[in-house]
Amino acid sequence: MASPIQENLVSKNAEYASKFTKGDLALPPAKHYLVLTCMDARIDPAAAFGIDLGDAHVIRNAGGSARDALRSIIISQQLLGTKEIILIKHTGCGMLTFSNEDAHGLVKKNLGPSAAAEIATLDFLPIKNLDDAVKGDVEYLKRSAAVPEDVIISGWVYEVETGKVRRIV
């Protein structure tokens, strides 16, 4: 039996597919860049950053973490030809609200000792200071041997309150 969320997905997809005309887009992104941002539901990367279908890769994870996204970044660049990374974190991010110890404690409390043991060495990559986290992720990517030196990398903060971005690096 389908949940209401699944039923909505099928309905909305049928509506979308009935008007879909872009099935001939190339696999590599046409504008050769990728956006790395947070999975936060308040961010609509296409609308907020002017990304048309087929223009760019959009990588999303908790906190817009470069370390967490490195596998996807490598695939985007090495297999699909992107040459620029736009890293965008945001105000009001949930990653600013907890520590690794908090997250490990919640897993143990809610899921039990087996789950806690399974993720005992997992770094949840919490953020202490937003601007510093942007700078740190940009530096991480610039130092990474897995990211070519000629890749353009910039770091930004998106303000969920206003919809505006500000450049950090």
N, C-alpha and C. Protein backbone atom coordinates (compact mmCIF):
# COMPACT_ATOMS: atom_id res chain seq x y z
N MET A 1 0.84 -1.18 0.00
CA MET A 1 0.00 0.00 0.00
C MET A 1 0.88 1.24 0.00
N ALA A 2 0.55 2.19 -0.83
CA ALA A 2 1.32 3.43 -0.95
C ALA A 2 0.92 4.41 0.15
N SER A 3 1.92 5.12 0.66
CA SER A 3 1.65 6.16 1.65
C SER A 3 1.12 7.40 0.93
N PRO A 4 0.53 8.36 1.67
CA PRO A 4 0.08 9.60 1.03
C PRO A 4 1.23 10.34 0.33
N ILE A 5 2.43 10.28 0.88
CA ILE A 5 3.58 10.91 0.25
C ILE A 5 3.86 10.25 -1.10
N GLN A 6 3.83 8.93 -1.16
CA GLN A 6 4.07 8.20 -2.41
C GLN A 6 2.97 8.49 -3.43
N GLU A 7 1.73 8.54 -2.98
CA GLU A 7 0.63 8.86 -3.88
C GLU A 7 0.78 10.25 -4.47
N ASN A 8 1.22 11.20 -3.65
CA ASN A 8 1.47 12.56 -4.12
C ASN A 8 2.60 12.56 -5.14
N LEU A 9 3.66 11.80 -4.89
CA LEU A 9 4.78 11.70 -5.82
C LEU A 9 4.29 11.23 -7.18
N VAL A 10 3.50 10.17 -7.21
CA VAL A 10 3.00 9.61 -8.47
C VAL A 10 2.12 10.63 -9.19
N SER A 11 1.25 11.28 -8.46
CA SER A 11 0.35 12.27 -9.05
C SER A 11 1.11 13.46 -9.62
N LYS A 12 1.98 14.02 -8.82
CA LYS A 12 2.76 15.19 -9.26
C LYS A 12 3.71 14.83 -10.40
N ASN A 13 4.26 13.61 -10.37
CA ASN A 13 5.14 13.19 -11.44
C ASN A 13 4.38 13.03 -12.76
N ALA A 14 3.18 12.49 -12.70
CA ALA A 14 2.38 12.34 -13.91
C ALA A 14 2.10 13.70 -14.53
N GLU A 15 1.80 14.67 -13.69
CA GLU A 15 1.56 16.04 -14.16
C GLU A 15 2.83 16.61 -14.81
N TYR A 16 3.95 16.43 -14.15
CA TYR A 16 5.25 16.91 -14.65
C TYR A 16 5.60 16.22 -15.97
N ALA A 17 5.49 14.90 -16.01
CA ALA A 17 5.87 14.13 -17.19
C ALA A 17 4.99 14.48 -18.39
N SER A 18 3.75 14.85 -18.16
CA SER A 18 2.85 15.17 -19.26
C SER A 18 3.29 16.43 -20.02
N LYS A 19 4.11 17.27 -19.38
CA LYS A 19 4.59 18.51 -20.00
C LYS A 19 6.10 18.48 -20.26
N PHE A 20 6.74 17.35 -19.95
CA PHE A 20 8.21 17.25 -20.02
C PHE A 20 8.68 17.25 -21.46
N THR A 21 9.66 18.13 -21.76
CA THR A 21 10.19 18.26 -23.12
C THR A 21 11.71 18.25 -23.17
N LYS A 22 12.36 17.92 -22.07
CA LYS A 22 13.82 18.04 -22.03
C LYS A 22 14.53 16.69 -21.93
N GLY A 23 13.96 15.67 -22.51
CA GLY A 23 14.55 14.34 -22.45
C GLY A 23 15.80 14.17 -23.29
N ASP A 24 16.17 15.19 -24.05
CA ASP A 24 17.35 15.09 -24.91
C ASP A 24 18.58 15.80 -24.34
N LEU A 25 18.53 16.22 -23.10
CA LEU A 25 19.68 16.89 -22.50
C LEU A 25 20.86 15.92 -22.38
N ALA A 26 22.06 16.46 -22.54
CA ALA A 26 23.28 15.65 -22.41
C ALA A 26 23.52 15.27 -20.96
N LEU A 27 24.24 14.18 -20.75
CA LEU A 27 24.56 13.73 -19.40
C LEU A 27 25.43 14.72 -18.65
N PRO A 28 26.55 15.21 -19.22
CA PRO A 28 27.36 16.19 -18.48
C PRO A 28 26.60 17.51 -18.33
N PRO A 29 26.79 18.20 -17.22
CA PRO A 29 26.11 19.49 -17.05
C PRO A 29 26.61 20.51 -18.08
N ALA A 30 25.68 21.18 -18.73
CA ALA A 30 25.99 22.10 -19.83
C ALA A 30 26.91 23.25 -19.42
N LYS A 31 26.79 23.71 -18.18
CA LYS A 31 27.60 24.86 -17.74
C LYS A 31 28.83 24.44 -16.94
N HIS A 32 29.07 23.16 -16.82
CA HIS A 32 30.31 22.60 -16.24
C HIS A 32 30.61 23.05 -14.82
N TYR A 33 29.58 23.15 -13.99
CA TYR A 33 29.82 23.46 -12.58
C TYR A 33 28.93 22.60 -11.71
N LEU A 34 29.27 22.61 -10.42
CA LEU A 34 28.45 21.90 -9.45
C LEU A 34 28.21 22.81 -8.26
N VAL A 35 27.06 22.63 -7.67
CA VAL A 35 26.69 23.34 -6.45
C VAL A 35 26.62 22.30 -5.35
N LEU A 36 27.31 22.58 -4.26
CA LEU A 36 27.23 21.75 -3.06
C LEU A 36 26.51 22.56 -2.01
N THR A 37 25.37 22.05 -1.55
CA THR A 37 24.61 22.78 -0.55
C THR A 37 23.95 21.79 0.42
N CYS A 38 23.27 22.32 1.38
CA CYS A 38 22.64 21.52 2.42
C CYS A 38 21.35 20.87 1.92
N MET A 39 20.95 19.80 2.59
CA MET A 39 19.71 19.11 2.26
C MET A 39 18.48 19.80 2.85
N ASP A 40 18.67 20.89 3.55
CA ASP A 40 17.58 21.61 4.21
C ASP A 40 16.42 21.86 3.23
N ALA A 41 15.22 21.53 3.65
CA ALA A 41 14.04 21.63 2.80
C ALA A 41 13.67 23.08 2.48
N ARG A 42 14.27 24.04 3.17
CA ARG A 42 13.96 25.45 2.90
C ARG A 42 14.78 26.01 1.74
N ILE A 43 15.66 25.20 1.17
CA ILE A 43 16.50 25.66 0.07
C ILE A 43 16.04 25.00 -1.23
N ASP A 44 15.72 25.81 -2.22
CA ASP A 44 15.39 25.34 -3.56
C ASP A 44 16.52 25.81 -4.47
N PRO A 45 17.56 24.97 -4.65
CA PRO A 45 18.74 25.42 -5.40
C PRO A 45 18.43 25.94 -6.80
N ALA A 46 17.55 25.29 -7.52
CA ALA A 46 17.24 25.73 -8.88
C ALA A 46 16.68 27.16 -8.88
N ALA A 47 15.72 27.40 -8.02
CA ALA A 47 15.10 28.72 -7.97
C ALA A 47 16.02 29.77 -7.34
N ALA A 48 16.67 29.41 -6.25
CA ALA A 48 17.48 30.39 -5.51
C ALA A 48 18.77 30.76 -6.23
N PHE A 49 19.33 29.83 -7.01
CA PHE A 49 20.63 30.06 -7.63
C PHE A 49 20.58 30.08 -9.15
N GLY A 50 19.39 30.08 -9.72
CA GLY A 50 19.24 30.21 -11.16
C GLY A 50 19.78 29.03 -11.95
N ILE A 51 19.53 27.82 -11.48
CA ILE A 51 20.03 26.63 -12.16
C ILE A 51 18.91 26.02 -13.00
N ASP A 52 19.09 26.04 -14.31
CA ASP A 52 18.13 25.40 -15.20
C ASP A 52 18.44 23.92 -15.31
N LEU A 53 17.44 23.13 -15.66
CA LEU A 53 17.62 21.70 -15.84
C LEU A 53 18.73 21.45 -16.85
N GLY A 54 19.69 20.63 -16.46
CA GLY A 54 20.81 20.31 -17.34
C GLY A 54 22.02 21.19 -17.20
N ASP A 55 21.92 22.28 -16.44
CA ASP A 55 23.04 23.24 -16.31
C ASP A 55 24.15 22.76 -15.41
N ALA A 56 23.80 22.18 -14.25
CA ALA A 56 24.79 21.92 -13.20
C ALA A 56 24.42 20.68 -12.40
N HIS A 57 25.42 20.13 -11.74
CA HIS A 57 25.14 19.11 -10.73
C HIS A 57 24.82 19.81 -9.43
N VAL A 58 23.87 19.28 -8.70
CA VAL A 58 23.55 19.79 -7.36
C VAL A 58 23.75 18.64 -6.40
N ILE A 59 24.69 18.81 -5.49
CA ILE A 59 24.99 17.81 -4.47
C ILE A 59 24.46 18.36 -3.15
N ARG A 60 23.67 17.55 -2.47
CA ARG A 60 23.08 17.99 -1.21
C ARG A 60 23.36 16.96 -0.14
N ASN A 61 23.75 17.46 1.03
CA ASN A 61 23.91 16.60 2.20
C ASN A 61 23.73 17.46 3.44
N ALA A 62 23.71 16.84 4.59
CA ALA A 62 23.53 17.58 5.84
C ALA A 62 24.68 18.56 6.03
N GLY A 63 24.38 19.83 6.03
CA GLY A 63 25.38 20.87 6.24
C GLY A 63 26.13 21.30 5.00
N GLY A 64 25.85 20.72 3.85
CA GLY A 64 26.61 21.07 2.65
C GLY A 64 28.08 20.76 2.84
N SER A 65 28.39 19.60 3.37
CA SER A 65 29.75 19.23 3.75
C SER A 65 30.59 18.76 2.57
N ALA A 66 31.74 19.39 2.37
CA ALA A 66 32.66 19.00 1.31
C ALA A 66 33.23 17.60 1.57
N ARG A 67 33.54 17.30 2.82
CA ARG A 67 34.10 15.97 3.14
C ARG A 67 33.10 14.87 2.80
N ASP A 68 31.85 15.09 3.14
CA ASP A 68 30.79 14.13 2.89
C ASP A 68 30.50 14.00 1.39
N ALA A 69 30.77 15.06 0.62
CA ALA A 69 30.43 15.09 -0.81
C ALA A 69 31.59 14.74 -1.73
N LEU A 70 32.77 14.47 -1.19
CA LEU A 70 33.95 14.30 -2.04
C LEU A 70 33.76 13.24 -3.12
N ARG A 71 33.16 12.13 -2.80
CA ARG A 71 32.93 11.07 -3.79
C ARG A 71 32.14 11.62 -4.98
N SER A 72 31.07 12.34 -4.71
CA SER A 72 30.24 12.90 -5.78
C SER A 72 30.98 13.99 -6.55
N ILE A 73 31.78 14.78 -5.85
CA ILE A 73 32.57 15.82 -6.51
C ILE A 73 33.56 15.20 -7.50
N ILE A 74 34.23 14.15 -7.09
CA ILE A 74 35.19 13.47 -7.97
C ILE A 74 34.49 12.93 -9.21
N ILE A 75 33.35 12.28 -9.03
CA ILE A 75 32.59 11.75 -10.16
C ILE A 75 32.16 12.89 -11.09
N SER A 76 31.66 13.98 -10.51
CA SER A 76 31.21 15.12 -11.29
C SER A 76 32.35 15.69 -12.14
N GLN A 77 33.54 15.79 -11.56
CA GLN A 77 34.66 16.38 -12.28
C GLN A 77 35.34 15.40 -13.22
N GLN A 78 35.67 14.24 -12.73
CA GLN A 78 36.47 13.30 -13.51
C GLN A 78 35.68 12.58 -14.60
N LEU A 79 34.43 12.28 -14.35
CA LEU A 79 33.63 11.56 -15.33
C LEU A 79 32.72 12.46 -16.15
N LEU A 80 32.37 13.62 -15.60
CA LEU A 80 31.36 14.44 -16.27
C LEU A 80 31.79 15.89 -16.52
N GLY A 81 33.06 16.19 -16.25
CA GLY A 81 33.67 17.42 -16.75
C GLY A 81 33.37 18.74 -16.07
N THR A 82 32.92 18.73 -14.82
CA THR A 82 32.70 20.03 -14.17
C THR A 82 34.03 20.66 -13.80
N LYS A 83 34.08 21.98 -13.85
CA LYS A 83 35.32 22.73 -13.64
C LYS A 83 35.20 23.80 -12.55
N GLU A 84 34.05 23.86 -11.90
CA GLU A 84 33.86 24.86 -10.86
C GLU A 84 32.97 24.28 -9.77
N ILE A 85 33.29 24.65 -8.51
CA ILE A 85 32.51 24.23 -7.35
C ILE A 85 31.99 25.48 -6.64
N ILE A 86 30.70 25.53 -6.45
CA ILE A 86 30.09 26.60 -5.66
C ILE A 86 29.54 25.94 -4.40
N LEU A 87 30.17 26.20 -3.28
CA LEU A 87 29.80 25.62 -1.99
C LEU A 87 28.92 26.63 -1.25
N ILE A 88 27.72 26.19 -0.85
CA ILE A 88 26.77 27.11 -0.22
C ILE A 88 26.21 26.48 1.06
N LYS A 89 26.58 27.06 2.20
CA LYS A 89 25.97 26.68 3.47
C LYS A 89 24.85 27.69 3.74
N HIS A 90 24.16 27.58 4.87
CA HIS A 90 23.04 28.50 5.08
C HIS A 90 22.81 28.83 6.55
N THR A 91 22.16 29.95 6.75
CA THR A 91 21.78 30.37 8.10
C THR A 91 20.74 29.40 8.65
N GLY A 92 20.68 29.32 9.95
CA GLY A 92 19.68 28.47 10.59
C GLY A 92 19.87 26.98 10.35
N CYS A 93 21.08 26.57 10.01
CA CYS A 93 21.34 25.16 9.70
C CYS A 93 21.26 24.31 10.96
N GLY A 94 20.62 23.16 10.85
CA GLY A 94 20.53 22.24 11.97
C GLY A 94 21.88 21.74 12.43
N MET A 95 22.89 21.75 11.54
CA MET A 95 24.22 21.28 11.90
C MET A 95 24.91 22.19 12.92
N LEU A 96 24.34 23.37 13.13
CA LEU A 96 24.85 24.31 14.13
C LEU A 96 24.32 24.01 15.53
N THR A 97 23.41 23.04 15.64
CA THR A 97 22.66 22.87 16.89
C THR A 97 23.08 21.69 17.75
N PHE A 98 24.08 20.93 17.33
CA PHE A 98 24.46 19.75 18.11
C PHE A 98 25.95 19.45 17.95
N SER A 99 26.44 18.55 18.80
CA SER A 99 27.82 18.08 18.73
C SER A 99 27.82 16.62 18.32
N ASN A 100 29.00 16.10 18.01
CA ASN A 100 29.11 14.67 17.72
C ASN A 100 28.61 13.84 18.89
N GLU A 101 28.94 14.26 20.10
CA GLU A 101 28.53 13.52 21.30
C GLU A 101 27.00 13.48 21.39
N ASP A 102 26.34 14.60 21.09
CA ASP A 102 24.88 14.64 21.10
C ASP A 102 24.31 13.62 20.10
N ALA A 103 24.83 13.63 18.89
CA ALA A 103 24.32 12.73 17.84
C ALA A 103 24.55 11.26 18.20
N HIS A 104 25.74 10.95 18.71
CA HIS A 104 26.02 9.58 19.11
C HIS A 104 25.11 9.14 20.26
N GLY A 105 24.86 10.05 21.18
CA GLY A 105 23.98 9.75 22.30
C GLY A 105 22.54 9.49 21.85
N LEU A 106 22.06 10.28 20.89
CA LEU A 106 20.70 10.07 20.37
C LEU A 106 20.57 8.72 19.66
N VAL A 107 21.59 8.37 18.90
CA VAL A 107 21.54 7.08 18.21
C VAL A 107 21.47 5.95 19.23
N LYS A 108 22.30 6.04 20.25
CA LYS A 108 22.31 4.99 21.27
C LYS A 108 20.95 4.93 21.99
N LYS A 109 20.41 6.09 22.36
CA LYS A 109 19.14 6.15 23.08
C LYS A 109 17.98 5.65 22.21
N ASN A 110 17.93 6.10 20.96
CA ASN A 110 16.79 5.81 20.11
C ASN A 110 16.88 4.49 19.34
N LEU A 111 18.11 4.05 19.04
CA LEU A 111 18.27 2.87 18.20
C LEU A 111 18.99 1.71 18.88
N GLY A 112 19.58 1.99 20.05
CA GLY A 112 20.19 0.91 20.81
C GLY A 112 21.68 0.75 20.61
N PRO A 113 22.27 -0.14 21.42
CA PRO A 113 23.73 -0.31 21.43
C PRO A 113 24.30 -0.85 20.12
N SER A 114 23.56 -1.67 19.39
CA SER A 114 24.08 -2.20 18.11
C SER A 114 24.28 -1.07 17.12
N ALA A 115 23.30 -0.19 17.01
CA ALA A 115 23.42 0.96 16.11
C ALA A 115 24.54 1.89 16.58
N ALA A 116 24.63 2.11 17.89
CA ALA A 116 25.68 2.97 18.43
C ALA A 116 27.05 2.40 18.11
N ALA A 117 27.22 1.09 18.22
CA ALA A 117 28.51 0.46 17.90
C ALA A 117 28.82 0.60 16.42
N GLU A 118 27.81 0.46 15.59
CA GLU A 118 28.00 0.54 14.13
C GLU A 118 28.51 1.92 13.70
N ILE A 119 28.07 2.98 14.37
CA ILE A 119 28.46 4.34 13.98
C ILE A 119 29.42 4.99 14.98
N ALA A 120 30.08 4.19 15.79
CA ALA A 120 30.93 4.71 16.86
C ALA A 120 32.01 5.67 16.37
N THR A 121 32.52 5.46 15.18
CA THR A 121 33.59 6.33 14.66
C THR A 121 33.08 7.36 13.66
N LEU A 122 31.77 7.41 13.45
CA LEU A 122 31.20 8.34 12.48
C LEU A 122 31.28 9.77 12.98
N ASP A 123 31.85 10.63 12.14
CA ASP A 123 31.87 12.07 12.42
C ASP A 123 30.66 12.67 11.74
N PHE A 124 29.76 13.24 12.51
CA PHE A 124 28.55 13.84 11.96
C PHE A 124 28.83 15.22 11.34
N LEU A 125 30.04 15.71 11.48
CA LEU A 125 30.49 16.97 10.88
C LEU A 125 29.63 18.16 11.31
N PRO A 126 29.40 18.31 12.62
CA PRO A 126 28.62 19.46 13.07
C PRO A 126 29.39 20.76 12.80
N ILE A 127 28.66 21.85 12.79
CA ILE A 127 29.24 23.17 12.49
C ILE A 127 29.18 24.03 13.75
N LYS A 128 30.31 24.66 14.07
CA LYS A 128 30.33 25.58 15.21
C LYS A 128 30.12 27.02 14.77
N ASN A 129 30.74 27.42 13.65
CA ASN A 129 30.64 28.78 13.14
C ASN A 129 30.44 28.69 11.64
N LEU A 130 29.39 29.29 11.14
CA LEU A 130 29.00 29.16 9.74
C LEU A 130 30.07 29.65 8.77
N ASP A 131 30.54 30.88 8.96
CA ASP A 131 31.54 31.42 8.04
C ASP A 131 32.84 30.61 8.09
N ASP A 132 33.24 30.20 9.28
CA ASP A 132 34.45 29.38 9.41
C ASP A 132 34.28 28.03 8.73
N ALA A 133 33.07 27.47 8.81
CA ALA A 133 32.81 26.18 8.17
C ALA A 133 32.90 26.31 6.64
N VAL A 134 32.41 27.41 6.09
CA VAL A 134 32.52 27.65 4.65
C VAL A 134 33.99 27.74 4.27
N LYS A 135 34.74 28.55 5.00
CA LYS A 135 36.18 28.71 4.72
C LYS A 135 36.91 27.37 4.84
N GLY A 136 36.58 26.61 5.88
CA GLY A 136 37.24 25.33 6.10
C GLY A 136 36.96 24.33 4.99
N ASP A 137 35.72 24.29 4.50
CA ASP A 137 35.39 23.36 3.42
C ASP A 137 36.04 23.78 2.11
N VAL A 138 36.09 25.07 1.84
CA VAL A 138 36.76 25.55 0.62
C VAL A 138 38.24 25.20 0.69
N GLU A 139 38.87 25.44 1.84
CA GLU A 139 40.29 25.08 2.00
C GLU A 139 40.50 23.57 1.86
N TYR A 140 39.61 22.78 2.43
CA TYR A 140 39.69 21.32 2.30
C TYR A 140 39.70 20.92 0.83
N LEU A 141 38.81 21.50 0.04
CA LEU A 141 38.74 21.15 -1.38
C LEU A 141 39.97 21.64 -2.13
N LYS A 142 40.45 22.83 -1.78
CA LYS A 142 41.65 23.36 -2.46
C LYS A 142 42.89 22.54 -2.13
N ARG A 143 42.97 21.98 -0.94
CA ARG A 143 44.12 21.16 -0.54
C ARG A 143 44.01 19.72 -1.04
N SER A 144 42.83 19.30 -1.40
CA SER A 144 42.61 17.91 -1.78
C SER A 144 43.31 17.56 -3.09
N ALA A 145 44.08 16.50 -3.08
CA ALA A 145 44.72 16.00 -4.30
C ALA A 145 43.67 15.46 -5.27
N ALA A 146 42.46 15.19 -4.79
CA ALA A 146 41.40 14.65 -5.63
C ALA A 146 40.63 15.74 -6.38
N VAL A 147 40.95 17.00 -6.12
CA VAL A 147 40.33 18.12 -6.82
C VAL A 147 41.44 18.85 -7.58
N PRO A 148 41.37 18.88 -8.91
CA PRO A 148 42.42 19.53 -9.69
C PRO A 148 42.64 20.99 -9.29
N GLU A 149 43.89 21.43 -9.39
CA GLU A 149 44.25 22.79 -8.97
C GLU A 149 43.56 23.87 -9.77
N ASP A 150 43.18 23.58 -11.01
CA ASP A 150 42.56 24.61 -11.85
C ASP A 150 41.05 24.75 -11.64
N VAL A 151 40.48 23.95 -10.75
CA VAL A 151 39.04 24.05 -10.46
C VAL A 151 38.79 25.33 -9.65
N ILE A 152 37.83 26.09 -10.09
CA ILE A 152 37.44 27.32 -9.39
C ILE A 152 36.52 26.91 -8.24
N ILE A 153 36.84 27.39 -7.03
CA ILE A 153 36.05 27.04 -5.85
C ILE A 153 35.68 28.32 -5.10
N SER A 154 34.41 28.50 -4.84
CA SER A 154 33.97 29.65 -4.04
C SER A 154 33.06 29.16 -2.93
N GLY A 155 32.95 29.96 -1.87
CA GLY A 155 32.14 29.60 -0.72
C GLY A 155 31.15 30.71 -0.37
N TRP A 156 29.93 30.32 -0.09
CA TRP A 156 28.83 31.27 0.11
C TRP A 156 27.97 30.87 1.31
N VAL A 157 27.18 31.83 1.79
CA VAL A 157 26.15 31.56 2.78
C VAL A 157 24.83 32.06 2.20
N TYR A 158 23.84 31.17 2.22
CA TYR A 158 22.49 31.50 1.80
C TYR A 158 21.69 31.84 3.05
N GLU A 159 21.00 32.96 3.02
CA GLU A 159 20.19 33.39 4.16
C GLU A 159 18.76 32.89 3.97
N VAL A 160 18.36 31.90 4.77
CA VAL A 160 17.01 31.35 4.61
C VAL A 160 15.94 32.39 4.96
N GLU A 161 16.32 33.40 5.71
CA GLU A 161 15.35 34.43 6.12
C GLU A 161 15.03 35.39 4.98
N THR A 162 16.01 35.63 4.08
CA THR A 162 15.83 36.64 3.03
C THR A 162 15.91 36.08 1.61
N GLY A 163 16.49 34.89 1.45
CA GLY A 163 16.71 34.32 0.13
C GLY A 163 17.97 34.82 -0.55
N LYS A 164 18.74 35.66 0.14
CA LYS A 164 19.96 36.22 -0.43
C LYS A 164 21.18 35.36 -0.13
N VAL A 165 22.20 35.45 -1.00
CA VAL A 165 23.48 34.81 -0.74
C VAL A 165 24.54 35.88 -0.49
N ARG A 166 25.53 35.51 0.30
CA ARG A 166 26.69 36.40 0.48
C ARG A 166 27.94 35.56 0.32
N ARG A 167 28.91 36.13 -0.36
CA ARG A 167 30.16 35.42 -0.62
C ARG A 167 31.05 35.50 0.61
N ILE A 168 31.61 34.35 0.99
CA ILE A 168 32.55 34.26 2.11
C ILE A 168 33.97 34.15 1.57
N VAL A 169 34.17 33.27 0.60
CA VAL A 169 35.49 33.03 0.00
C VAL A 169 35.33 33.01 -1.50
